[in-house]
Amino acid sequence: MVNVVWDEDTCFESGDCCSLLPKVFRFEDDKLVIDTSGASEEAIRDAVSRCPSGALRIEE
């Protein structure tokens, strides 16, 4: 499974990732919770690439 890393300092909480894949990305107590079991690797990679702030990245 793919490993997604979130940079809290870079994120401006546009919510794009949560809108695209709500089963993978959600905010709880101002922290992004990531559950990569909620979608395919391809869908997750696509959502990460669409992050407008660049706060999400795939760790290989």
PDB file of N, CA and C in Angstrom:
ATOM      1  N   MET A   1       0.849  -1.184   0.000  1.00  0.00           N
ATOM      2  CA  MET A   1       0.000   0.000   0.000  1.00  0.00           C
ATOM      3  C   MET A   1       0.892   1.243   0.000  1.00  0.00           C
ATOM      4  N   VAL A   2       0.398   2.259  -0.600  1.00  0.00           N
ATOM      5  CA  VAL A   2       1.114   3.523  -0.729  1.00  0.00           C
ATOM      6  C   VAL A   2       1.159   4.254   0.616  1.00  0.00           C
ATOM      7  N   ASN A   3       2.259   4.971   0.867  1.00  0.00           N
ATOM      8  CA  ASN A   3       2.416   5.728   2.101  1.00  0.00           C
ATOM      9  C   ASN A   3       2.328   7.222   1.779  1.00  0.00           C
ATOM     10  N   VAL A   4       1.356   7.911   2.361  1.00  0.00           N
ATOM     11  CA  VAL A   4       1.150   9.340   2.126  1.00  0.00           C
ATOM     12  C   VAL A   4       1.622  10.111   3.344  1.00  0.00           C
ATOM     13  N   VAL A   5       2.404  11.158   3.088  1.00  0.00           N
ATOM     14  CA  VAL A   5       2.927  12.007   4.152  1.00  0.00           C
ATOM     15  C   VAL A   5       2.280  13.382   4.018  1.00  0.00           C
ATOM     16  N   TRP A   6       1.872  13.945   5.151  1.00  0.00           N
ATOM     17  CA  TRP A   6       1.231  15.254   5.202  1.00  0.00           C
ATOM     18  C   TRP A   6       2.130  16.242   5.916  1.00  0.00           C
ATOM     19  N   ASP A   7       2.391  17.399   5.289  1.00  0.00           N
ATOM     20  CA  ASP A   7       3.175  18.470   5.897  1.00  0.00           C
ATOM     21  C   ASP A   7       2.200  19.503   6.463  1.00  0.00           C
ATOM     22  N   GLU A   8       2.002  19.431   7.746  1.00  0.00           N
ATOM     23  CA  GLU A   8       1.037  20.294   8.434  1.00  0.00           C
ATOM     24  C   GLU A   8       1.358  21.779   8.246  1.00  0.00           C
ATOM     25  N   ASP A   9       2.646  22.126   8.205  1.00  0.00           N
ATOM     26  CA  ASP A   9       3.041  23.529   8.086  1.00  0.00           C
ATOM     27  C   ASP A   9       2.749  24.107   6.701  1.00  0.00           C
ATOM     28  N   THR A  10       2.708  23.266   5.696  1.00  0.00           N
ATOM     29  CA  THR A  10       2.460  23.704   4.322  1.00  0.00           C
ATOM     30  C   THR A  10       0.974  23.736   3.999  1.00  0.00           C
ATOM     31  N   CYS A  11       0.211  22.892   4.641  1.00  0.00           N
ATOM     32  CA  CYS A  11      -1.221  22.734   4.351  1.00  0.00           C
ATOM     33  C   CYS A  11      -2.011  23.984   4.715  1.00  0.00           C
ATOM     34  N   PHE A  12      -2.870  24.423   3.775  1.00  0.00           N
ATOM     35  CA  PHE A  12      -3.775  25.529   4.101  1.00  0.00           C
ATOM     36  C   PHE A  12      -5.225  25.056   4.133  1.00  0.00           C
ATOM     37  N   GLU A  13      -5.401  23.752   4.284  1.00  0.00           N
ATOM     38  CA  GLU A  13      -6.692  23.108   4.520  1.00  0.00           C
ATOM     39  C   GLU A  13      -7.763  23.494   3.504  1.00  0.00           C
ATOM     40  N   SER A  14      -7.408  23.375   2.230  1.00  0.00           N
ATOM     41  CA  SER A  14      -8.387  23.630   1.172  1.00  0.00           C
ATOM     42  C   SER A  14      -9.477  22.563   1.177  1.00  0.00           C
ATOM     43  N   GLY A  15      -9.124  21.376   1.665  1.00  0.00           N
ATOM     44  CA  GLY A  15     -10.087  20.283   1.740  1.00  0.00           C
ATOM     45  C   GLY A  15     -10.256  19.512   0.456  1.00  0.00           C
ATOM     46  N   ASP A  16      -9.433  19.800  -0.549  1.00  0.00           N
ATOM     47  CA  ASP A  16      -9.544  19.090  -1.823  1.00  0.00           C
ATOM     48  C   ASP A  16      -9.378  17.583  -1.643  1.00  0.00           C
ATOM     49  N   CYS A  17      -8.410  17.172  -0.859  1.00  0.00           N
ATOM     50  CA  CYS A  17      -8.162  15.740  -0.665  1.00  0.00           C
ATOM     51  C   CYS A  17      -9.377  15.076  -0.006  1.00  0.00           C
ATOM     52  N   CYS A  18      -9.963  15.765   0.964  1.00  0.00           N
ATOM     53  CA  CYS A  18     -11.137  15.224   1.663  1.00  0.00           C
ATOM     54  C   CYS A  18     -12.338  15.141   0.734  1.00  0.00           C
ATOM     55  N   SER A  19     -12.481  16.101  -0.151  1.00  0.00           N
ATOM     56  CA  SER A  19     -13.582  16.080  -1.115  1.00  0.00           C
ATOM     57  C   SER A  19     -13.399  14.976  -2.146  1.00  0.00           C
ATOM     58  N   LEU A  20     -12.164  14.800  -2.600  1.00  0.00           N
ATOM     59  CA  LEU A  20     -11.886  13.789  -3.615  1.00  0.00           C
ATOM     60  C   LEU A  20     -12.010  12.367  -3.068  1.00  0.00           C
ATOM     61  N   LEU A  21     -11.434  12.134  -1.894  1.00  0.00           N
ATOM     62  CA  LEU A  21     -11.405  10.790  -1.309  1.00  0.00           C
ATOM     63  C   LEU A  21     -11.741  10.840   0.185  1.00  0.00           C
ATOM     64  N   PRO A  22     -13.011  11.030   0.513  1.00  0.00           N
ATOM     65  CA  PRO A  22     -13.383  11.143   1.932  1.00  0.00           C
ATOM     66  C   PRO A  22     -13.151   9.868   2.747  1.00  0.00           C
ATOM     67  N   LYS A  23     -13.021   8.727   2.089  1.00  0.00           N
ATOM     68  CA  LYS A  23     -12.718   7.487   2.828  1.00  0.00           C
ATOM     69  C   LYS A  23     -11.235   7.370   3.139  1.00  0.00           C
ATOM     70  N   VAL A  24     -10.414   8.217   2.525  1.00  0.00           N
ATOM     71  CA  VAL A  24      -8.970   8.192   2.739  1.00  0.00           C
ATOM     72  C   VAL A  24      -8.512   9.358   3.613  1.00  0.00           C
ATOM     73  N   PHE A  25      -9.012  10.555   3.305  1.00  0.00           N
ATOM     74  CA  PHE A  25      -8.563  11.772   3.980  1.00  0.00           C
ATOM     75  C   PHE A  25      -9.708  12.400   4.773  1.00  0.00           C
ATOM     76  N   ARG A  26      -9.427  12.762   6.026  1.00  0.00           N
ATOM     77  CA  ARG A  26     -10.401  13.487   6.830  1.00  0.00           C
ATOM     78  C   ARG A  26      -9.660  14.255   7.928  1.00  0.00           C
ATOM     79  N   PHE A  27     -10.225  15.395   8.308  1.00  0.00           N
ATOM     80  CA  PHE A  27      -9.643  16.183   9.388  1.00  0.00           C
ATOM     81  C   PHE A  27     -10.339  15.846  10.696  1.00  0.00           C
ATOM     82  N   GLU A  28      -9.540  15.611  11.716  1.00  0.00           N
ATOM     83  CA  GLU A  28     -10.018  15.396  13.082  1.00  0.00           C
ATOM     84  C   GLU A  28      -9.143  16.235  14.000  1.00  0.00           C
ATOM     85  N   ASP A  29      -9.755  17.130  14.745  1.00  0.00           N
ATOM     86  CA  ASP A  29      -9.024  17.992  15.674  1.00  0.00           C
ATOM     87  C   ASP A  29      -7.867  18.721  14.983  1.00  0.00           C
ATOM     88  N   ASP A  30      -8.144  19.269  13.804  1.00  0.00           N
ATOM     89  CA  ASP A  30      -7.163  20.036  13.019  1.00  0.00           C
ATOM     90  C   ASP A  30      -5.966  19.216  12.539  1.00  0.00           C
ATOM     91  N   LYS A  31      -6.084  17.921  12.540  1.00  0.00           N
ATOM     92  CA  LYS A  31      -5.034  17.040  12.022  1.00  0.00           C
ATOM     93  C   LYS A  31      -5.621  16.201  10.895  1.00  0.00           C
ATOM     94  N   LEU A  32      -4.848  15.997   9.861  1.00  0.00           N
ATOM     95  CA  LEU A  32      -5.304  15.173   8.755  1.00  0.00           C
ATOM     96  C   LEU A  32      -5.086  13.706   9.095  1.00  0.00           C
ATOM     97  N   VAL A  33      -6.147  12.937   9.025  1.00  0.00           N
ATOM     98  CA  VAL A  33      -6.085  11.493   9.218  1.00  0.00           C
ATOM     99  C   VAL A  33      -6.099  10.859   7.838  1.00  0.00           C
ATOM    100  N   ILE A  34      -5.166   9.953   7.601  1.00  0.00           N
ATOM    101  CA  ILE A  34      -5.028   9.314   6.297  1.00  0.00           C
ATOM    102  C   ILE A  34      -5.173   7.812   6.471  1.00  0.00           C
ATOM    103  N   ASP A  35      -6.148   7.239   5.771  1.00  0.00           N
ATOM    104  CA  ASP A  35      -6.384   5.793   5.789  1.00  0.00           C
ATOM    105  C   ASP A  35      -6.311   5.301   4.346  1.00  0.00           C
ATOM    106  N   THR A  36      -5.147   4.827   3.948  1.00  0.00           N
ATOM    107  CA  THR A  36      -4.931   4.450   2.554  1.00  0.00           C
ATOM    108  C   THR A  36      -5.672   3.178   2.140  1.00  0.00           C
ATOM    109  N   SER A  37      -6.334   2.536   3.067  1.00  0.00           N
ATOM    110  CA  SER A  37      -7.107   1.343   2.698  1.00  0.00           C
ATOM    111  C   SER A  37      -8.446   1.720   2.058  1.00  0.00           C
ATOM    112  N   GLY A  38      -8.766   3.014   2.041  1.00  0.00           N
ATOM    113  CA  GLY A  38     -10.063   3.473   1.559  1.00  0.00           C
ATOM    114  C   GLY A  38     -10.174   3.695   0.070  1.00  0.00           C
ATOM    115  N   ALA A  39      -9.079   3.502  -0.681  1.00  0.00           N
ATOM    116  CA  ALA A  39      -9.120   3.718  -2.133  1.00  0.00           C
ATOM    117  C   ALA A  39      -7.931   3.023  -2.783  1.00  0.00           C
ATOM    118  N   SER A  40      -7.957   2.969  -4.094  1.00  0.00           N
ATOM    119  CA  SER A  40      -6.862   2.349  -4.836  1.00  0.00           C
ATOM    120  C   SER A  40      -5.626   3.241  -4.790  1.00  0.00           C
ATOM    121  N   GLU A  41      -4.479   2.641  -5.016  1.00  0.00           N
ATOM    122  CA  GLU A  41      -3.232   3.414  -5.047  1.00  0.00           C
ATOM    123  C   GLU A  41      -3.296   4.472  -6.142  1.00  0.00           C
ATOM    124  N   GLU A  42      -3.860   4.135  -7.273  1.00  0.00           N
ATOM    125  CA  GLU A  42      -3.979   5.080  -8.381  1.00  0.00           C
ATOM    126  C   GLU A  42      -4.810   6.294  -7.983  1.00  0.00           C
ATOM    127  N   ALA A  43      -5.941   6.072  -7.314  1.00  0.00           N
ATOM    128  CA  ALA A  43      -6.807   7.167  -6.875  1.00  0.00           C
ATOM    129  C   ALA A  43      -6.111   8.037  -5.833  1.00  0.00           C
ATOM    130  N   ILE A  44      -5.374   7.414  -4.928  1.00  0.00           N
ATOM    131  CA  ILE A  44      -4.651   8.153  -3.894  1.00  0.00           C
ATOM    132  C   ILE A  44      -3.555   9.002  -4.528  1.00  0.00           C
ATOM    133  N   ARG A  45      -2.807   8.424  -5.445  1.00  0.00           N
ATOM    134  CA  ARG A  45      -1.753   9.181  -6.136  1.00  0.00           C
ATOM    135  C   ARG A  45      -2.340  10.378  -6.877  1.00  0.00           C
ATOM    136  N   ASP A  46      -3.498  10.181  -7.488  1.00  0.00           N
ATOM    137  CA  ASP A  46      -4.161  11.274  -8.199  1.00  0.00           C
ATOM    138  C   ASP A  46      -4.556  12.383  -7.228  1.00  0.00           C
ATOM    139  N   ALA A  47      -5.157  12.023  -6.104  1.00  0.00           N
ATOM    140  CA  ALA A  47      -5.564  13.021  -5.109  1.00  0.00           C
ATOM    141  C   ALA A  47      -4.360  13.779  -4.561  1.00  0.00           C
ATOM    142  N   VAL A  48      -3.280  13.071  -4.285  1.00  0.00           N
ATOM    143  CA  VAL A  48      -2.063  13.709  -3.774  1.00  0.00           C
ATOM    144  C   VAL A  48      -1.519  14.701  -4.807  1.00  0.00           C
ATOM    145  N   SER A  49      -1.542  14.322  -6.070  1.00  0.00           N
ATOM    146  CA  SER A  49      -1.025  15.210  -7.117  1.00  0.00           C
ATOM    147  C   SER A  49      -1.866  16.465  -7.281  1.00  0.00           C
ATOM    148  N   ARG A  50      -3.109  16.438  -6.834  1.00  0.00           N
ATOM    149  CA  ARG A  50      -4.014  17.592  -6.947  1.00  0.00           C
ATOM    150  C   ARG A  50      -3.971  18.522  -5.740  1.00  0.00           C
ATOM    151  N   CYS A  51      -3.193  18.206  -4.733  1.00  0.00           N
ATOM    152  CA  CYS A  51      -3.110  19.036  -3.526  1.00  0.00           C
ATOM    153  C   CYS A  51      -2.584  20.421  -3.908  1.00  0.00           C
ATOM    154  N   PRO A  52      -3.392  21.466  -3.741  1.00  0.00           N
ATOM    155  CA  PRO A  52      -2.975  22.791  -4.191  1.00  0.00           C
ATOM    156  C   PRO A  52      -1.805  23.397  -3.402  1.00  0.00           C
ATOM    157  N   SER A  53      -1.621  22.983  -2.172  1.00  0.00           N
ATOM    158  CA  SER A  53      -0.532  23.544  -1.362  1.00  0.00           C
ATOM    159  C   SER A  53       0.735  22.709  -1.459  1.00  0.00           C
ATOM    160  N   GLY A  54       0.620  21.482  -1.972  1.00  0.00           N
ATOM    161  CA  GLY A  54       1.784  20.599  -2.008  1.00  0.00           C
ATOM    162  C   GLY A  54       2.080  19.965  -0.659  1.00  0.00           C
ATOM    163  N   ALA A  55       1.111  19.993   0.233  1.00  0.00           N
ATOM    164  CA  ALA A  55       1.323  19.466   1.592  1.00  0.00           C
ATOM    165  C   ALA A  55       1.294  17.950   1.652  1.00  0.00           C
ATOM    166  N   LEU A  56       0.770  17.315   0.613  1.00  0.00           N
ATOM    167  CA  LEU A  56       0.739  15.856   0.561  1.00  0.00           C
ATOM    168  C   LEU A  56       1.811  15.355  -0.399  1.00  0.00           C
ATOM    169  N   ARG A  57       2.435  14.260  -0.025  1.00  0.00           N
ATOM    170  CA  ARG A  57       3.404  13.630  -0.938  1.00  0.00           C
ATOM    171  C   ARG A  57       3.403  12.131  -0.694  1.00  0.00           C
ATOM    172  N   ILE A  58       3.810  11.418  -1.715  1.00  0.00           N
ATOM    173  CA  ILE A  58       3.943   9.972  -1.635  1.00  0.00           C
ATOM    174  C   ILE A  58       5.358   9.658  -1.204  1.00  0.00           C
ATOM    175  N   GLU A  59       5.495   8.843  -0.187  1.00  0.00           N
ATOM    176  CA  GLU A  59       6.811   8.412   0.271  1.00  0.00           C
ATOM    177  C   GLU A  59       7.066   7.025  -0.282  1.00  0.00           C
ATOM    178  N   GLU A  60       8.055   6.917  -1.106  1.00  0.00           N
ATOM    179  CA  GLU A  60       8.383   5.623  -1.742  1.00  0.00           C
ATOM    180  C   GLU A  60       9.273   4.791  -0.847  1.00  0.00           C
TER     181      GLU A  60
END
